[in-house]
C-alpha atoms as a PDB file:
ATOM      1  CA  MET A   1      -0.031  -0.212   0.009  1.00  0.00           C
ATOM      2  CA  ALA A   2       1.119   3.260  -0.730  1.00  0.00           C
ATOM      3  CA  LYS A   3       2.497   5.511   2.086  1.00  0.00           C
ATOM      4  CA  ILE A   4       2.146   9.448   2.664  1.00  0.00           C
ATOM      5  CA  ARG A   5       4.386  11.392   4.644  1.00  0.00           C
ATOM      6  CA  PHE A   6       3.879  13.381   7.494  1.00  0.00           C
ATOM      7  CA  LEU A   7       3.591  16.659   6.076  1.00  0.00           C
ATOM      8  CA  ASP A   8       0.774  14.995   2.726  1.00  0.00           C
ATOM      9  CA  ALA A   9      -1.251  13.934   5.721  1.00  0.00           C
ATOM     10  CA  ALA A  10      -1.751  17.208   7.355  1.00  0.00           C
ATOM     11  CA  ALA A  11      -2.055  19.133   4.024  1.00  0.00           C
ATOM     12  CA  LEU A  12      -4.839  16.274   3.586  1.00  0.00           C
ATOM     13  CA  LEU A  13      -6.596  17.025   7.315  1.00  0.00           C
ATOM     14  CA  TYR A  14      -6.581  20.782   6.166  1.00  0.00           C
ATOM     15  CA  ASN A  15      -8.648  20.493   3.146  1.00  0.00           C
ATOM     16  CA  TYR A  16     -10.871  18.123   4.726  1.00  0.00           C
ATOM     17  CA  PHE A  17     -11.637  20.123   8.112  1.00  0.00           C
ATOM     18  CA  GLN A  18     -11.846  23.051   6.115  1.00  0.00           C
ATOM     19  CA  PRO A  19     -13.683  25.783   6.547  1.00  0.00           C
ATOM     20  CA  LEU A  20     -12.039  25.507   9.893  1.00  0.00           C
ATOM     21  CA  VAL A  21      -8.414  26.299  10.708  1.00  0.00           C
ATOM     22  CA  VAL A  22      -5.981  23.217  11.258  1.00  0.00           C
ATOM     23  CA  GLN A  23      -2.815  23.024  12.904  1.00  0.00           C
ATOM     24  CA  VAL A  24      -1.246  19.472  12.850  1.00  0.00           C
ATOM     25  CA  SER A  25       2.216  19.320  15.001  1.00  0.00           C
ATOM     26  CA  LEU A  26       4.501  16.269  15.525  1.00  0.00           C
ATOM     27  CA  GLN A  27       4.513  15.843  19.743  1.00  0.00           C
ATOM     28  CA  SER A  28       6.960  12.861  19.334  1.00  0.00           C
ATOM     29  CA  PRO A  29       7.917  10.512  16.137  1.00  0.00           C
ATOM     30  CA  THR A  30       5.171   8.788  17.048  1.00  0.00           C
ATOM     31  CA  SER A  31       2.587  11.179  17.861  1.00  0.00           C
ATOM     32  CA  MET A  32       1.310  14.443  16.744  1.00  0.00           C
ATOM     33  CA  VAL A  33      -1.447  17.210  17.860  1.00  0.00           C
ATOM     34  CA  VAL A  34      -4.005  18.582  16.661  1.00  0.00           C
ATOM     35  CA  ARG A  35      -5.603  21.927  16.622  1.00  0.00           C
ATOM     36  CA  LEU A  36      -8.839  23.054  15.281  1.00  0.00           C
ATOM     37  CA  SER A  37     -10.270  26.410  15.367  1.00  0.00           C
ATOM     38  CA  GLU A  38     -13.037  28.908  13.724  1.00  0.00           C
ATOM     39  CA  LYS A  39     -12.113  32.484  12.920  1.00  0.00           C
ATOM     40  CA  GLU A  40     -15.662  33.740  13.467  1.00  0.00           C
ATOM     41  CA  SER A  41     -16.349  31.980  17.207  1.00  0.00           C
ATOM     42  CA  GLN A  42     -13.211  31.766  18.453  1.00  0.00           C
ATOM     43  CA  THR A  43     -14.235  27.815  19.069  1.00  0.00           C
ATOM     44  CA  SER A  44     -11.197  25.951  18.858  1.00  0.00           C
ATOM     45  CA  LEU A  45      -9.828  22.208  20.382  1.00  0.00           C
ATOM     46  CA  GLU A  46      -7.085  20.355  20.697  1.00  0.00           C
ATOM     47  CA  VAL A  47      -6.510  16.538  20.055  1.00  0.00           C
ATOM     48  CA  ARG A  48      -3.260  15.212  21.163  1.00  0.00           C
ATOM     49  CA  ASP A  49      -1.255  12.101  21.841  1.00  0.00           C
ATOM     50  CA  ILE A  50      -3.205  10.760  18.452  1.00  0.00           C
ATOM     51  CA  PRO A  51      -0.889   7.999  17.231  1.00  0.00           C
ATOM     52  CA  CYS A  52       0.919   8.554  13.634  1.00  0.00           C
ATOM     53  CA  ARG A  53       4.617   7.905  12.452  1.00  0.00           C
ATOM     54  CA  THR A  54       6.241  10.524   9.925  1.00  0.00           C
ATOM     55  CA  SER A  55       4.753   7.878   7.114  1.00  0.00           C
ATOM     56  CA  LEU A  56       0.964   6.888   7.045  1.00  0.00           C
ATOM     57  CA  THR A  57      -1.259   4.475   4.908  1.00  0.00           C
ATOM     58  CA  PRO A  58      -4.172   5.840   3.440  1.00  0.00           C
ATOM     59  CA  THR A  59      -6.086   3.724   6.129  1.00  0.00           C
ATOM     60  CA  GLU A  60      -3.863   5.244   8.716  1.00  0.00           C
ATOM     61  CA  VAL A  61      -4.922   8.927   7.696  1.00  0.00           C
ATOM     62  CA  PHE A  62      -8.697   8.135   7.438  1.00  0.00           C
ATOM     63  CA  ALA A  63      -8.704   6.413  11.199  1.00  0.00           C
ATOM     64  CA  ILE A  64      -6.631   9.874  12.497  1.00  0.00           C
ATOM     65  CA  ILE A  65      -9.493  11.512  10.962  1.00  0.00           C
ATOM     66  CA  GLU A  66     -12.109   9.817  12.131  1.00  0.00           C
ATOM     67  CA  GLN A  67     -10.400  10.139  15.979  1.00  0.00           C
ATOM     68  CA  ILE A  68     -10.144  13.442  15.678  1.00  0.00           C
ATOM     69  CA  GLU A  69     -13.794  13.681  14.517  1.00  0.00           C
ATOM     70  CA  ALA A  70     -15.134  11.313  17.487  1.00  0.00           C
ATOM     71  CA  ARG A  71     -13.081  14.275  20.347  1.00  0.00           C
ATOM     72  CA  ILE A  72     -14.978  16.779  18.385  1.00  0.00           C
ATOM     73  CA  ARG A  73     -18.308  14.769  18.513  1.00  0.00           C
ATOM     74  CA  LEU A  74     -17.981  14.710  22.173  1.00  0.00           C
ATOM     75  CA  ASP A  75     -15.820  17.765  23.127  1.00  0.00           C
ATOM     76  CA  LYS A  76     -17.451  20.150  20.782  1.00  0.00           C
ATOM     77  CA  PRO A  77     -20.606  19.030  18.770  1.00  0.00           C
ATOM     78  CA  GLU A  78     -21.093  22.949  17.787  1.00  0.00           C
ATOM     79  CA  LEU A  79     -17.497  22.724  15.581  1.00  0.00           C
ATOM     80  CA  PHE A  80     -18.792  18.873  14.055  1.00  0.00           C
ATOM     81  CA  ASN A  81     -22.733  20.698  12.878  1.00  0.00           C
ATOM     82  CA  ARG A  82     -20.536  23.359  10.818  1.00  0.00           C
ATOM     83  CA  HIS A  83     -17.451  21.364   8.953  1.00  0.00           C
ATOM     84  CA  CYS A  84     -18.400  21.363   5.860  1.00  0.00           C
ATOM     85  CA  VAL A  85     -17.246  18.206   4.875  1.00  0.00           C
ATOM     86  CA  ASN A  86     -19.923  17.056   7.758  1.00  0.00           C
ATOM     87  CA  LYS A  87     -22.787  18.460   6.208  1.00  0.00           C
ATOM     88  CA  ALA A  88     -23.449  15.791   3.872  1.00  0.00           C
ATOM     89  CA  ARG A  89     -23.195  13.419   7.096  1.00  0.00           C
ATOM     90  CA  LEU A  90     -26.489  14.943   9.089  1.00  0.00           C
ATOM     91  CA  PRO A  91     -29.437  13.626   9.749  1.00  0.00           C
END
């Protein structure tokens, strides 16, 4: 399976979570932190200790997205409700 470099995976996260502002950084060689925020409302969320590596498979990137979305739903559902990709998923 093709591997995705960390910077390319971060770019996928930036694009996926638009229009939210996304900041992605490695905490260690095996974990990362993602900060999501909304400029208009000053609402933000930080998801820490996300398992990752410097090279990821597409399946691993998708698992990271699911983990971030689960935290958004739990801690800041208002962000999830305004997240443009997920508008199609809402009932």
